[in-house]
Amino acid sequence: MPIPRKPPEISNYQFLCALLYIIENGCKWRALPKKYGKWHTIYMRFNRWSKNGTIKRIFEKMQELNIIDVRTDTLCIDSTSIKVHPDAAGARKSSGEQSIGRSKGG
């Protein structure tokens, strides 16, 4: 486990339990039960550990010790949605008629 910069609000055990809960139930970060701690704190640690490779090492070690029995090549936990601009979705354009012919650029 990485050495924390300051005393952590939640323990590493509590963090791993929260992470496994999200993986098992497929819930959003905000829907994480309060007993695991603040969802934002857990998300920030997950984000930081994902970027530096700690999450990958933890899951590889858990597989070696037969704590989990799944193959994890990629671990992706996200529940965001991307909204498309109305013009990209085929919405009716509100501007007037456009002229037909050569443009100024040729």
C-alpha atoms as a PDB file:
ATOM      1  CA  MET A   1       0.000   0.000   0.000  1.00  0.00           C
ATOM      2  CA  PRO A   2       1.235   3.520  -0.703  1.00  0.00           C
ATOM      3  CA  ILE A   3       2.394   5.697   2.170  1.00  0.00           C
ATOM      4  CA  PRO A   4      -0.287   8.338   2.843  1.00  0.00           C
ATOM      5  CA  ARG A   5       0.549  12.037   2.644  1.00  0.00           C
ATOM      6  CA  LYS A   6      -1.530  12.760   5.747  1.00  0.00           C
ATOM      7  CA  PRO A   7      -3.449  10.594   8.236  1.00  0.00           C
ATOM      8  CA  PRO A   8      -6.226   8.931   6.193  1.00  0.00           C
ATOM      9  CA  GLU A   9      -9.894   9.484   7.018  1.00  0.00           C
ATOM     10  CA  ILE A  10     -10.659   5.823   6.318  1.00  0.00           C
ATOM     11  CA  SER A  11      -8.517   2.721   6.676  1.00  0.00           C
ATOM     12  CA  ASN A  12      -7.237   0.736   3.712  1.00  0.00           C
ATOM     13  CA  TYR A  13      -9.452  -2.170   4.789  1.00  0.00           C
ATOM     14  CA  GLN A  14     -12.522   0.073   4.789  1.00  0.00           C
ATOM     15  CA  PHE A  15     -11.524   1.418   1.357  1.00  0.00           C
ATOM     16  CA  LEU A  16     -11.156  -2.084  -0.114  1.00  0.00           C
ATOM     17  CA  CYS A  17     -14.519  -3.127   1.336  1.00  0.00           C
ATOM     18  CA  ALA A  18     -16.134  -0.073  -0.266  1.00  0.00           C
ATOM     19  CA  LEU A  19     -14.437  -0.805  -3.583  1.00  0.00           C
ATOM     20  CA  LEU A  20     -15.570  -4.426  -3.559  1.00  0.00           C
ATOM     21  CA  TYR A  21     -19.109  -3.282  -2.672  1.00  0.00           C
ATOM     22  CA  ILE A  22     -19.181  -0.990  -5.716  1.00  0.00           C
ATOM     23  CA  ILE A  23     -17.827  -3.733  -7.973  1.00  0.00           C
ATOM     24  CA  GLU A  24     -20.296  -6.325  -6.681  1.00  0.00           C
ATOM     25  CA  ASN A  25     -23.390  -4.108  -6.763  1.00  0.00           C
ATOM     26  CA  GLY A  26     -22.522  -1.888  -9.699  1.00  0.00           C
ATOM     27  CA  CYS A  27     -23.731   1.211  -7.905  1.00  0.00           C
ATOM     28  CA  LYS A  28     -22.725   4.822  -8.431  1.00  0.00           C
ATOM     29  CA  TRP A  29     -20.121   6.379  -6.158  1.00  0.00           C
ATOM     30  CA  ARG A  30     -22.750   8.627  -4.589  1.00  0.00           C
ATOM     31  CA  ALA A  31     -24.935   5.611  -3.763  1.00  0.00           C
ATOM     32  CA  LEU A  32     -22.234   4.042  -1.587  1.00  0.00           C
ATOM     33  CA  PRO A  33     -23.597   3.334   1.925  1.00  0.00           C
ATOM     34  CA  LYS A  34     -22.429   5.720   4.655  1.00  0.00           C
ATOM     35  CA  LYS A  35     -20.871   2.878   6.675  1.00  0.00           C
ATOM     36  CA  TYR A  36     -17.932   2.855   4.224  1.00  0.00           C
ATOM     37  CA  GLY A  37     -17.186   6.547   4.683  1.00  0.00           C
ATOM     38  CA  LYS A  38     -17.547   9.566   2.429  1.00  0.00           C
ATOM     39  CA  TRP A  39     -17.986   8.525  -1.175  1.00  0.00           C
ATOM     40  CA  HIS A  40     -15.812  11.378  -2.440  1.00  0.00           C
ATOM     41  CA  THR A  41     -12.886  10.363  -0.218  1.00  0.00           C
ATOM     42  CA  ILE A  42     -13.123   6.784  -1.497  1.00  0.00           C
ATOM     43  CA  TYR A  43     -13.392   7.950  -5.096  1.00  0.00           C
ATOM     44  CA  MET A  44     -10.366  10.240  -4.788  1.00  0.00           C
ATOM     45  CA  ARG A  45      -8.246   7.431  -3.320  1.00  0.00           C
ATOM     46  CA  PHE A  46      -9.447   5.052  -6.039  1.00  0.00           C
ATOM     47  CA  ASN A  47      -8.604   7.620  -8.713  1.00  0.00           C
ATOM     48  CA  ARG A  48      -5.126   8.279  -7.282  1.00  0.00           C
ATOM     49  CA  TRP A  49      -4.345   4.582  -6.801  1.00  0.00           C
ATOM     50  CA  SER A  50      -5.617   3.712 -10.291  1.00  0.00           C
ATOM     51  CA  LYS A  51      -3.273   6.221 -11.877  1.00  0.00           C
ATOM     52  CA  ASN A  52      -0.191   5.001  -9.989  1.00  0.00           C
ATOM     53  CA  GLY A  53      -0.959   1.270 -10.518  1.00  0.00           C
ATOM     54  CA  THR A  54      -1.753   0.371  -6.891  1.00  0.00           C
ATOM     55  CA  ILE A  55      -5.251  -0.934  -7.683  1.00  0.00           C
ATOM     56  CA  LYS A  56      -3.833  -3.285 -10.325  1.00  0.00           C
ATOM     57  CA  ARG A  57      -1.222  -4.631  -7.892  1.00  0.00           C
ATOM     58  CA  ILE A  58      -3.844  -5.128  -5.153  1.00  0.00           C
ATOM     59  CA  PHE A  59      -6.129  -7.149  -7.421  1.00  0.00           C
ATOM     60  CA  GLU A  60      -3.224  -9.215  -8.769  1.00  0.00           C
ATOM     61  CA  LYS A  61      -2.150 -10.045  -5.199  1.00  0.00           C
ATOM     62  CA  MET A  62      -5.741 -10.897  -4.213  1.00  0.00           C
ATOM     63  CA  GLN A  63      -5.850 -13.319  -7.144  1.00  0.00           C
ATOM     64  CA  GLU A  64      -2.535 -14.909  -6.126  1.00  0.00           C
ATOM     65  CA  LEU A  65      -3.876 -15.482  -2.600  1.00  0.00           C
ATOM     66  CA  ASN A  66      -7.170 -16.861  -3.999  1.00  0.00           C
ATOM     67  CA  ILE A  67      -9.196 -14.168  -2.246  1.00  0.00           C
ATOM     68  CA  ILE A  68     -10.923 -13.421  -5.534  1.00  0.00           C
ATOM     69  CA  ASP A  69     -11.256 -15.856  -8.396  1.00  0.00           C
ATOM     70  CA  VAL A  70     -11.741 -13.699 -11.456  1.00  0.00           C
ATOM     71  CA  ARG A  71      -9.439 -12.570 -14.181  1.00  0.00           C
ATOM     72  CA  THR A  72      -9.087  -8.807 -14.247  1.00  0.00           C
ATOM     73  CA  ASP A  73      -7.203  -7.520 -17.245  1.00  0.00           C
ATOM     74  CA  THR A  74      -8.905  -4.156 -16.974  1.00  0.00           C
ATOM     75  CA  LEU A  75     -10.802  -2.721 -14.072  1.00  0.00           C
ATOM     76  CA  CYS A  76     -13.217   0.057 -14.958  1.00  0.00           C
ATOM     77  CA  ILE A  77     -15.565   1.567 -12.415  1.00  0.00           C
ATOM     78  CA  ASP A  78     -17.522   4.470 -13.744  1.00  0.00           C
ATOM     79  CA  SER A  79     -21.117   5.533 -13.895  1.00  0.00           C
ATOM     80  CA  THR A  80     -21.024   8.739 -15.884  1.00  0.00           C
ATOM     81  CA  SER A  81     -23.062   9.542 -18.953  1.00  0.00           C
ATOM     82  CA  ILE A  82     -22.130  11.841 -21.775  1.00  0.00           C
ATOM     83  CA  LYS A  83     -24.721  14.299 -23.001  1.00  0.00           C
ATOM     84  CA  VAL A  84     -24.607  15.154 -26.664  1.00  0.00           C
ATOM     85  CA  HIS A  85     -25.174  18.664 -27.977  1.00  0.00           C
ATOM     86  CA  PRO A  86     -28.677  18.992 -29.558  1.00  0.00           C
ATOM     87  CA  ASP A  87     -27.150  19.679 -32.995  1.00  0.00           C
ATOM     88  CA  ALA A  88     -25.318  16.348 -32.862  1.00  0.00           C
ATOM     89  CA  ALA A  89     -28.549  14.501 -32.079  1.00  0.00           C
ATOM     90  CA  GLY A  90     -30.300  15.739 -35.222  1.00  0.00           C
ATOM     91  CA  ALA A  91     -32.270  18.545 -33.576  1.00  0.00           C
ATOM     92  CA  ARG A  92     -33.966  21.096 -35.796  1.00  0.00           C
ATOM     93  CA  LYS A  93     -31.763  24.108 -36.442  1.00  0.00           C
ATOM     94  CA  SER A  94     -33.211  27.406 -35.240  1.00  0.00           C
ATOM     95  CA  SER A  95     -31.247  29.612 -37.652  1.00  0.00           C
ATOM     96  CA  GLY A  96     -32.784  30.912 -40.864  1.00  0.00           C
ATOM     97  CA  GLU A  97     -32.207  29.685 -44.367  1.00  0.00           C
ATOM     98  CA  GLN A  98     -28.668  29.193 -45.509  1.00  0.00           C
ATOM     99  CA  SER A  99     -27.572  30.414 -48.902  1.00  0.00           C
ATOM    100  CA  ILE A 100     -26.585  27.881 -51.500  1.00  0.00           C
ATOM    101  CA  GLY A 101     -23.536  28.457 -53.629  1.00  0.00           C
ATOM    102  CA  ARG A 102     -19.835  29.117 -53.297  1.00  0.00           C
ATOM    103  CA  SER A 103     -18.484  30.041 -49.918  1.00  0.00           C
ATOM    104  CA  LYS A 104     -16.095  32.935 -49.337  1.00  0.00           C
ATOM    105  CA  GLY A 105     -13.243  30.467 -48.954  1.00  0.00           C
ATOM    106  CA  GLY A 106     -13.818  28.972 -52.380  1.00  0.00           C
END
